C-alpha atoms as a PDB file:
ATOM      1  CA  MET A   1       0.000   0.000   0.000  1.00  0.00           C
ATOM      2  CA  ALA A   2       1.261   3.528  -0.846  1.00  0.00           C
ATOM      3  CA  SER A   3       0.157   6.985   0.258  1.00  0.00           C
ATOM      4  CA  ARG A   4       1.685  10.405  -0.389  1.00  0.00           C
ATOM      5  CA  GLY A   5       4.847   8.795  -1.683  1.00  0.00           C
ATOM      6  CA  LEU A   6       5.170   6.398   1.274  1.00  0.00           C
ATOM      7  CA  LYS A   7       5.046   2.664   0.742  1.00  0.00           C
ATOM      8  CA  VAL A   8       4.298  -0.074   3.283  1.00  0.00           C
ATOM      9  CA  LEU A   9       6.350  -3.250   2.816  1.00  0.00           C
ATOM     10  CA  PRO A  10       6.019  -6.417   4.900  1.00  0.00           C
ATOM     11  CA  SER A  11       8.888  -8.348   6.430  1.00  0.00           C
ATOM     12  CA  GLY A  12       8.644 -11.873   7.843  1.00  0.00           C
ATOM     13  CA  ARG A  13       5.564 -14.045   8.151  1.00  0.00           C
ATOM     14  CA  PRO A  14       2.363 -12.424   6.832  1.00  0.00           C
ATOM     15  CA  GLY A  15       0.426 -10.992   9.752  1.00  0.00           C
ATOM     16  CA  ARG A  16       3.338 -11.502  12.134  1.00  0.00           C
ATOM     17  CA  GLY A  17       6.463  -9.672  11.003  1.00  0.00           C
ATOM     18  CA  ARG A  18       7.233  -5.974  10.873  1.00  0.00           C
ATOM     19  CA  LEU A  19       5.732  -3.520   8.412  1.00  0.00           C
ATOM     20  CA  TYR A  20       8.253  -1.010   7.084  1.00  0.00           C
ATOM     21  CA  VAL A  21       7.237   2.430   5.826  1.00  0.00           C
ATOM     22  CA  ASN A  22       9.620   3.485   3.058  1.00  0.00           C
ATOM     23  CA  LEU A  23      10.194   6.541   0.916  1.00  0.00           C
ATOM     24  CA  PRO A  24      10.130   6.087  -2.891  1.00  0.00           C
ATOM     25  CA  ASP A  25      13.936   5.757  -2.881  1.00  0.00           C
ATOM     26  CA  GLY A  26      13.709   2.809  -0.484  1.00  0.00           C
ATOM     27  CA  ARG A  27      14.809   4.544   2.729  1.00  0.00           C
ATOM     28  CA  ALA A  28      12.769   3.553   5.782  1.00  0.00           C
ATOM     29  CA  VAL A  29      11.054   6.311   7.777  1.00  0.00           C
ATOM     30  CA  ALA A  30       9.251   4.038  10.273  1.00  0.00           C
ATOM     31  CA  TRP A  31       8.292   0.493  11.079  1.00  0.00           C
ATOM     32  CA  TYR A  32       5.362  -1.128  12.860  1.00  0.00           C
ATOM     33  CA  ASP A  33       6.226  -4.055  15.113  1.00  0.00           C
ATOM     34  CA  ARG A  34       3.037  -6.111  15.280  1.00  0.00           C
ATOM     35  CA  ARG A  35       4.234  -8.250  18.158  1.00  0.00           C
ATOM     36  CA  ALA A  36       4.979  -5.235  20.362  1.00  0.00           C
ATOM     37  CA  ASN A  37       2.140  -3.169  18.807  1.00  0.00           C
ATOM     38  CA  ARG A  38       4.557  -0.266  18.505  1.00  0.00           C
ATOM     39  CA  ILE A  39       5.433   2.182  15.724  1.00  0.00           C
ATOM     40  CA  SER A  40       9.065   3.267  15.653  1.00  0.00           C
ATOM     41  CA  VAL A  41       9.368   6.620  13.843  1.00  0.00           C
ATOM     42  CA  LEU A  42      12.641   7.611  12.176  1.00  0.00           C
ATOM     43  CA  ALA A  43      11.345  10.825  10.556  1.00  0.00           C
ATOM     44  CA  ASP A  44       9.235  12.649  13.140  1.00  0.00           C
ATOM     45  CA  GLU A  45       8.311  15.417  10.686  1.00  0.00           C
ATOM     46  CA  ARG A  46       6.348  12.807   8.692  1.00  0.00           C
ATOM     47  CA  ARG A  47       4.603  11.283  11.706  1.00  0.00           C
ATOM     48  CA  GLU A  48       1.064  12.103  10.479  1.00  0.00           C
ATOM     49  CA  GLU A  49       1.763  10.652   7.022  1.00  0.00           C
ATOM     50  CA  ILE A  50       3.218   7.534   8.622  1.00  0.00           C
ATOM     51  CA  LEU A  51       0.149   7.071  10.832  1.00  0.00           C
ATOM     52  CA  THR A  52      -2.135   7.577   7.839  1.00  0.00           C
ATOM     53  CA  VAL A  53      -0.474   4.913   5.714  1.00  0.00           C
ATOM     54  CA  LEU A  54      -0.245   2.435   8.621  1.00  0.00           C
ATOM     55  CA  ARG A  55      -3.763   2.984   9.980  1.00  0.00           C
ATOM     56  CA  PRO A  56      -5.370   0.053   8.060  1.00  0.00           C
ATOM     57  CA  TYR A  57      -2.927  -2.327   9.734  1.00  0.00           C
ATOM     58  CA  LEU A  58      -3.145  -1.111  13.342  1.00  0.00           C
ATOM     59  CA  THR A  59      -5.011  -2.963  16.075  1.00  0.00           C
ATOM     60  CA  GLY A  60      -5.676  -2.053  19.704  1.00  0.00           C
ATOM     61  CA  THR A  61      -3.649   0.538  21.550  1.00  0.00           C
ATOM     62  CA  VAL A  62      -0.489   1.350  19.643  1.00  0.00           C
ATOM     63  CA  SER A  63       2.533   3.087  21.163  1.00  0.00           C
ATOM     64  CA  ILE A  64       4.537   5.526  19.033  1.00  0.00           C
ATOM     65  CA  GLY A  65       8.013   6.872  19.508  1.00  0.00           C
ATOM     66  CA  PRO A  66      11.617   6.859  18.363  1.00  0.00           C
ATOM     67  CA  PRO A  67      13.108   3.438  17.664  1.00  0.00           C
ATOM     68  CA  PRO A  68      15.238   1.580  20.174  1.00  0.00           C
ATOM     69  CA  VAL A  69      18.968   2.062  19.768  1.00  0.00           C
ATOM     70  CA  PRO A  70      19.599   0.136  16.518  1.00  0.00           C
ATOM     71  CA  THR A  71      21.957  -2.767  16.299  1.00  0.00           C
ATOM     72  CA  ALA A  72      24.395  -3.139  13.418  1.00  0.00           C
ATOM     73  CA  ALA A  73      21.944  -5.623  11.832  1.00  0.00           C
ATOM     74  CA  ASP A  74      19.123  -3.078  12.109  1.00  0.00           C
ATOM     75  CA  MET A  75      21.212  -0.470  10.325  1.00  0.00           C
ATOM     76  CA  LEU A  76      22.018  -2.837   7.478  1.00  0.00           C
ATOM     77  CA  ARG A  77      18.387  -3.858   7.119  1.00  0.00           C
ATOM     78  CA  LEU A  78      17.109  -0.279   7.055  1.00  0.00           C
ATOM     79  CA  ALA A  79      19.651   0.643   4.373  1.00  0.00           C
ATOM     80  CA  LEU A  80      18.688  -2.261   2.079  1.00  0.00           C
ATOM     81  CA  PRO A  81      17.075  -1.096  -1.203  1.00  0.00           C
ATOM     82  CA  PRO A  82      13.629  -2.698  -1.725  1.00  0.00           C
ATOM     83  CA  ASP A  83      14.633  -4.260  -5.052  1.00  0.00           C
ATOM     84  CA  GLU A  84      17.489  -6.071  -3.311  1.00  0.00           C
ATOM     85  CA  ASP A  85      15.409  -7.351  -0.374  1.00  0.00           C
ATOM     86  CA  LEU A  86      14.390 -11.028  -0.575  1.00  0.00           C
ATOM     87  CA  ALA A  87      12.313 -10.979   2.620  1.00  0.00           C
ATOM     88  CA  PRO A  88       8.977 -10.274   0.851  1.00  0.00           C
ATOM     89  CA  ASN A  89       9.434 -13.265  -1.482  1.00  0.00           C
ATOM     90  CA  ARG A  90       6.608 -15.786  -1.386  1.00  0.00           C
ATOM     91  CA  PRO A  91       7.122 -19.557  -1.528  1.00  0.00           C
ATOM     92  CA  GLY A  92       7.480 -20.561  -5.164  1.00  0.00           C
ATOM     93  CA  GLU A  93       7.851 -16.969  -6.372  1.00  0.00           C
ATOM     94  CA  ALA A  94       9.437 -17.982  -9.694  1.00  0.00           C
ATOM     95  CA  LEU A  95       6.826 -20.672 -10.317  1.00  0.00           C
ATOM     96  CA  LEU A  96       4.050 -18.134  -9.825  1.00  0.00           C
ATOM     97  CA  GLY A  97       5.498 -16.118 -12.672  1.00  0.00           C
ATOM     98  CA  GLU A  98       5.815 -19.145 -14.955  1.00  0.00           C
ATOM     99  CA  ILE A  99       2.250 -20.261 -14.281  1.00  0.00           C
ATOM    100  CA  THR A 100       0.771 -16.782 -14.714  1.00  0.00           C
ATOM    101  CA  HIS A 101       2.808 -15.475 -17.631  1.00  0.00           C
ATOM    102  CA  GLY A 102       4.572 -18.490 -19.163  1.00  0.00           C
ATOM    103  CA  SER A 103       3.715 -20.192 -22.434  1.00  0.00           C
ATOM    104  CA  ALA A 104       3.994 -23.794 -21.213  1.00  0.00           C
ATOM    105  CA  GLY A 105       1.441 -26.402 -22.227  1.00  0.00           C
ATOM    106  CA  ALA A 106      -1.330 -27.761 -20.028  1.00  0.00           C
ATOM    107  CA  ARG A 107       0.685 -30.762 -18.772  1.00  0.00           C
ATOM    108  CA  THR A 108       3.657 -28.614 -17.793  1.00  0.00           C
ATOM    109  CA  ARG A 109       1.420 -26.052 -16.099  1.00  0.00           C
ATOM    110  CA  HIS A 110      -0.224 -28.843 -14.101  1.00  0.00           C
ATOM    111  CA  ARG A 111       3.202 -30.044 -12.942  1.00  0.00           C
ATOM    112  CA  LEU A 112       4.216 -26.496 -12.027  1.00  0.00           C
ATOM    113  CA  ARG A 113       1.052 -26.064  -9.982  1.00  0.00           C
ATOM    114  CA  GLN A 114       1.857 -29.269  -8.088  1.00  0.00           C
ATOM    115  CA  GLU A 115       5.378 -28.031  -7.366  1.00  0.00           C
ATOM    116  CA  LEU A 116       4.020 -24.649  -6.299  1.00  0.00           C
ATOM    117  CA  ALA A 117       1.552 -26.300  -3.917  1.00  0.00           C
ATOM    118  CA  ALA A 118       4.412 -28.280  -2.354  1.00  0.00           C
ATOM    119  CA  ARG A 119       6.547 -25.172  -1.830  1.00  0.00           C
ATOM    120  CA  GLN A 120       3.607 -23.238  -0.426  1.00  0.00           C
ATOM    121  CA  ARG A 121       2.748 -25.990   2.045  1.00  0.00           C
ATOM    122  CA  MET A 122       6.348 -26.287   3.198  1.00  0.00           C
ATOM    123  CA  GLY A 123       6.541 -22.510   3.381  1.00  0.00           C
ATOM    124  CA  ASP A 124       3.550 -22.402   5.730  1.00  0.00           C
ATOM    125  CA  VAL A 125       5.163 -24.992   8.003  1.00  0.00           C
ATOM    126  CA  LEU A 126       8.469 -23.131   8.103  1.00  0.00           C
ATOM    127  CA  ASP A 127       6.805 -19.741   8.576  1.00  0.00           C
ATOM    128  CA  ALA A 128       5.200 -21.133  11.714  1.00  0.00           C
ATOM    129  CA  LEU A 129       8.692 -21.261  13.238  1.00  0.00           C
ATOM    130  CA  THR A 130       8.754 -17.458  13.185  1.00  0.00           C
ATOM    131  CA  GLU A 131       6.077 -17.435  15.877  1.00  0.00           C
ATOM    132  CA  SER A 132       9.231 -17.548  17.996  1.00  0.00           C
ATOM    133  CA  GLU A 133      11.421 -14.480  17.651  1.00  0.00           C
ATOM    134  CA  GLU A 134      14.451 -16.787  17.532  1.00  0.00           C
ATOM    135  CA  TRP A 135      13.759 -17.950  13.963  1.00  0.00           C
ATOM    136  CA  ARG A 136      13.964 -16.310  10.531  1.00  0.00           C
ATOM    137  CA  VAL A 137      12.787 -17.745   7.188  1.00  0.00           C
ATOM    138  CA  LEU A 138      13.334 -16.670   3.578  1.00  0.00           C
ATOM    139  CA  HIS A 139      11.618 -18.133   0.519  1.00  0.00           C
ATOM    140  CA  SER A 140      12.673 -18.426  -3.128  1.00  0.00           C
ATOM    141  CA  VAL A 141      16.303 -17.496  -2.594  1.00  0.00           C
ATOM    142  CA  GLU A 142      17.615 -16.570  -6.047  1.00  0.00           C
ATOM    143  CA  GLY A 143      17.099 -19.967  -7.657  1.00  0.00           C
ATOM    144  CA  ILE A 144      19.395 -21.498  -5.056  1.00  0.00           C
ATOM    145  CA  ALA A 145      17.052 -22.647  -2.289  1.00  0.00           C
ATOM    146  CA  ASP A 146      13.277 -23.004  -2.092  1.00  0.00           C
ATOM    147  CA  HIS A 147      13.530 -21.911   1.549  1.00  0.00           C
ATOM    148  CA  LEU A 148      16.319 -20.777   3.853  1.00  0.00           C
ATOM    149  CA  VAL A 149      15.816 -21.216   7.590  1.00  0.00           C
ATOM    150  CA  ILE A 150      17.996 -19.531  10.211  1.00  0.00           C
ATOM    151  CA  GLY A 151      17.634 -20.151  13.935  1.00  0.00           C
ATOM    152  CA  PRO A 152      19.378 -21.181  17.133  1.00  0.00           C
ATOM    153  CA  THR A 153      20.195 -24.640  15.771  1.00  0.00           C
ATOM    154  CA  GLY A 154      21.849 -23.359  12.594  1.00  0.00           C
ATOM    155  CA  VAL A 155      21.179 -22.484   8.961  1.00  0.00           C
ATOM    156  CA  PHE A 156      19.213 -24.850   6.724  1.00  0.00           C
ATOM    157  CA  SER A 157      18.761 -24.811   2.957  1.00  0.00           C
ATOM    158  CA  VAL A 158      15.478 -26.532   2.064  1.00  0.00           C
ATOM    159  CA  HIS A 159      14.836 -28.117  -1.346  1.00  0.00           C
ATOM    160  CA  THR A 160      11.174 -29.127  -1.783  1.00  0.00           C
ATOM    161  CA  VAL A 161       9.859 -32.043  -3.855  1.00  0.00           C
ATOM    162  CA  GLN A 162       6.255 -33.001  -4.658  1.00  0.00           C
ATOM    163  CA  GLY A 163       5.592 -36.599  -3.568  1.00  0.00           C
ATOM    164  CA  ARG A 164       2.415 -36.870  -5.687  1.00  0.00           C
ATOM    165  CA  ARG A 165       0.750 -39.237  -3.186  1.00  0.00           C
ATOM    166  CA  GLN A 166       3.182 -42.023  -4.034  1.00  0.00           C
ATOM    167  CA  ARG A 167       6.027 -43.817  -2.293  1.00  0.00           C
ATOM    168  CA  ALA A 168       9.293 -41.858  -2.299  1.00  0.00           C
ATOM    169  CA  VAL A 169      12.739 -43.420  -1.828  1.00  0.00           C
ATOM    170  CA  ALA A 170      15.718 -41.186  -1.071  1.00  0.00           C
ATOM    171  CA  GLY A 171      19.179 -42.576  -1.746  1.00  0.00           C
ATOM    172  CA  ASP A 172      22.646 -41.085  -1.516  1.00  0.00           C
ATOM    173  CA  LEU A 173      22.424 -39.584  -5.003  1.00  0.00           C
ATOM    174  CA  LEU A 174      18.856 -39.980  -6.277  1.00  0.00           C
ATOM    175  CA  LEU A 175      15.234 -39.609  -5.199  1.00  0.00           C
ATOM    176  CA  THR A 176      12.610 -41.856  -6.770  1.00  0.00           C
ATOM    177  CA  VAL A 177       8.908 -40.979  -6.528  1.00  0.00           C
ATOM    178  CA  GLY A 178       6.549 -43.781  -7.534  1.00  0.00           C
ATOM    179  CA  ARG A 179       7.604 -45.428 -10.788  1.00  0.00           C
ATOM    180  CA  THR A 180       8.930 -42.278 -12.400  1.00  0.00           C
ATOM    181  CA  GLU A 181      12.532 -41.743 -13.383  1.00  0.00           C
ATOM    182  CA  SER A 182      14.850 -41.055 -10.442  1.00  0.00           C
ATOM    183  CA  ARG A 183      15.957 -37.446  -9.923  1.00  0.00           C
ATOM    184  CA  PRO A 184      19.195 -36.072  -8.417  1.00  0.00           C
ATOM    185  CA  ASP A 185      17.409 -34.183  -5.632  1.00  0.00           C
ATOM    186  CA  PRO A 186      19.850 -35.208  -2.848  1.00  0.00           C
ATOM    187  CA  ARG A 187      22.713 -33.831  -4.935  1.00  0.00           C
ATOM    188  CA  THR A 188      20.696 -30.680  -5.662  1.00  0.00           C
ATOM    189  CA  SER A 189      20.214 -30.212  -1.906  1.00  0.00           C
ATOM    190  CA  ARG A 190      23.946 -30.597  -1.281  1.00  0.00           C
ATOM    191  CA  ARG A 191      24.878 -28.114  -3.997  1.00  0.00           C
ATOM    192  CA  ALA A 192      22.432 -25.515  -2.685  1.00  0.00           C
ATOM    193  CA  ALA A 193      23.764 -25.856   0.853  1.00  0.00           C
ATOM    194  CA  ALA A 194      27.371 -25.657  -0.351  1.00  0.00           C
ATOM    195  CA  TYR A 195      26.620 -22.481  -2.304  1.00  0.00           C
ATOM    196  CA  ALA A 196      24.828 -20.961   0.692  1.00  0.00           C
ATOM    197  CA  THR A 197      27.746 -21.879   2.948  1.00  0.00           C
ATOM    198  CA  ARG A 198      30.123 -19.943   0.704  1.00  0.00           C
ATOM    199  CA  ALA A 199      27.766 -16.982   0.310  1.00  0.00           C
ATOM    200  CA  LEU A 200      27.032 -16.604   4.035  1.00  0.00           C
ATOM    201  CA  SER A 201      30.418 -17.769   5.369  1.00  0.00           C
ATOM    202  CA  ALA A 202      28.497 -20.052   7.736  1.00  0.00           C
ATOM    203  CA  ALA A 203      27.748 -23.768   7.831  1.00  0.00           C
ATOM    204  CA  VAL A 204      24.482 -24.571   6.031  1.00  0.00           C
ATOM    205  CA  THR A 205      22.773 -27.958   6.378  1.00  0.00           C
ATOM    206  CA  PRO A 206      21.033 -29.417   3.297  1.00  0.00           C
ATOM    207  CA  VAL A 207      17.388 -30.446   3.755  1.00  0.00           C
ATOM    208  CA  LEU A 208      15.289 -32.391   1.247  1.00  0.00           C
ATOM    209  CA  ALA A 209      11.590 -31.904   2.014  1.00  0.00           C
ATOM    210  CA  VAL A 210       9.178 -34.376   0.411  1.00  0.00           C
ATOM    211  CA  VAL A 211       5.557 -33.215   0.400  1.00  0.00           C
ATOM    212  CA  ASP A 212       2.465 -35.418  -0.011  1.00  0.00           C
ATOM    213  CA  ALA A 213       4.261 -38.770  -0.337  1.00  0.00           C
ATOM    214  CA  THR A 214       2.258 -41.765   0.919  1.00  0.00           C
ATOM    215  CA  ARG A 215       5.493 -43.247   2.265  1.00  0.00           C
ATOM    216  CA  LEU A 216       9.046 -41.986   2.564  1.00  0.00           C
ATOM    217  CA  ASP A 217      12.009 -44.368   2.794  1.00  0.00           C
ATOM    218  CA  VAL A 218      15.551 -43.081   3.310  1.00  0.00           C
ATOM    219  CA  THR A 219      18.695 -45.090   2.629  1.00  0.00           C
ATOM    220  CA  PRO A 220      20.588 -45.501   5.950  1.00  0.00           C
ATOM    221  CA  SER A 221      23.816 -44.318   4.329  1.00  0.00           C
ATOM    222  CA  LEU A 222      22.259 -40.927   3.506  1.00  0.00           C
ATOM    223  CA  ARG A 223      23.368 -38.932   6.534  1.00  0.00           C
ATOM    224  CA  ASP A 224      24.570 -35.566   5.306  1.00  0.00           C
ATOM    225  CA  VAL A 225      21.165 -34.552   3.887  1.00  0.00           C
ATOM    226  CA  ARG A 226      18.131 -34.388   6.172  1.00  0.00           C
ATOM    227  CA  VAL A 227      15.147 -35.932   4.376  1.00  0.00           C
ATOM    228  CA  LEU A 228      11.938 -34.692   5.968  1.00  0.00           C
ATOM    229  CA  THR A 229       8.205 -34.178   5.487  1.00  0.00           C
ATOM    230  CA  PRO A 230       5.965 -31.276   6.548  1.00  0.00           C
ATOM    231  CA  ALA A 231       5.053 -33.285   9.648  1.00  0.00           C
ATOM    232  CA  THR A 232       8.672 -33.801  10.741  1.00  0.00           C
ATOM    233  CA  VAL A 233      10.582 -30.769   9.504  1.00  0.00           C
ATOM    234  CA  ALA A 234       9.874 -28.395  12.400  1.00  0.00           C
ATOM    235  CA  ALA A 235      10.775 -30.938  15.085  1.00  0.00           C
ATOM    236  CA  SER A 236      13.948 -31.931  13.240  1.00  0.00           C
ATOM    237  CA  LEU A 237      15.185 -28.361  12.842  1.00  0.00           C
ATOM    238  CA  THR A 238      14.428 -27.286  16.404  1.00  0.00           C
ATOM    239  CA  ARG A 239      15.642 -30.307  18.363  1.00  0.00           C
ATOM    240  CA  SER A 240      19.314 -29.980  17.407  1.00  0.00           C
ATOM    241  CA  SER A 241      21.814 -28.398  19.779  1.00  0.00           C
ATOM    242  CA  THR A 242      22.029 -24.607  19.831  1.00  0.00           C
ATOM    243  CA  THR A 243      24.849 -23.208  17.715  1.00  0.00           C
ATOM    244  CA  LEU A 244      23.762 -19.610  16.998  1.00  0.00           C
ATOM    245  CA  LYS A 245      23.009 -16.790  19.432  1.00  0.00           C
ATOM    246  CA  PRO A 246      20.261 -14.228  18.616  1.00  0.00           C
ATOM    247  CA  PRO A 247      22.724 -11.611  17.273  1.00  0.00           C
ATOM    248  CA  ASP A 248      24.237 -14.268  14.989  1.00  0.00           C
ATOM    249  CA  VAL A 249      20.789 -15.244  13.687  1.00  0.00           C
ATOM    250  CA  GLU A 250      19.912 -11.615  12.975  1.00  0.00           C
ATOM    251  CA  ALA A 251      23.238 -10.895  11.271  1.00  0.00           C
ATOM    252  CA  LEU A 252      22.931 -13.964   9.029  1.00  0.00           C
ATOM    253  CA  PHE A 253      19.328 -13.125   8.173  1.00  0.00           C
ATOM    254  CA  THR A 254      20.319  -9.568   7.263  1.00  0.00           C
ATOM    255  CA  ALA A 255      23.017 -10.896   4.937  1.00  0.00           C
ATOM    256  CA  ALA A 256      20.784 -13.605   3.454  1.00  0.00           C
ATOM    257  CA  ARG A 257      17.904 -11.281   2.609  1.00  0.00           C
ATOM    258  CA  ASP A 258      20.240  -9.060   0.548  1.00  0.00           C
ATOM    259  CA  ARG A 259      20.044 -10.236  -3.070  1.00  0.00           C
ATOM    260  CA  ARG A 260      23.613  -9.089  -3.642  1.00  0.00           C
ATOM    261  CA  THR A 261      24.875 -11.697  -1.153  1.00  0.00           C
ATOM    262  CA  TRP A 262      23.977 -14.449  -3.610  1.00  0.00           C
ATOM    263  CA  HIS A 263      25.870 -12.995  -6.563  1.00  0.00           C
END
């Protein structure tokens, strides 16, 4: 939503994360923290404009004032141009474009819709982690990862596969769904995590998420890639030992949401 040159942009899980109020050049002048029900104003001379553009989103009694003393991560986030910010990306962002504007035939479009549904379902499960302020999630990370999850237990690159209500078998190198030809999804997961590790200068664990399979079997020798379903992914990611402190999580999220990090 835009008003008088100001634009409201979401960050984080829809209905949960912050709403940033930006100038046309991308500079933030305020943000609304929905958890704290507080508006932090960076440009007091535009307070009335800020309240006007945020009014449709406000609930209950809202406090207004200058922001808390910003951390280094806050400063980086506020300086990030909107076109370079990956945080607003939806699950399956690229697929949405192909389905809406592409010229593929009916069979291909049906397959794309199945893949989109899988990414959207996994996205909903992962977004639920952000109910806790300890976790951050990005979707559709520059063709590298379907989802990137950052939290106390580490950084996880999630590659999503549609199980098509058939049995899925994950081996060291290949994933087979039903009687179709095997695909190199475990290797794809490894490559994505390796790329993310280099880009973020932090260890990234590969995750292969299989959605809507009637049964999922994993070869015992496959240990470096976590093979999970929507029902098991949250428990698997959160039960590991803590490796990242809150400032580390925020710093990694700030770097990961910057499109330029991935190039």
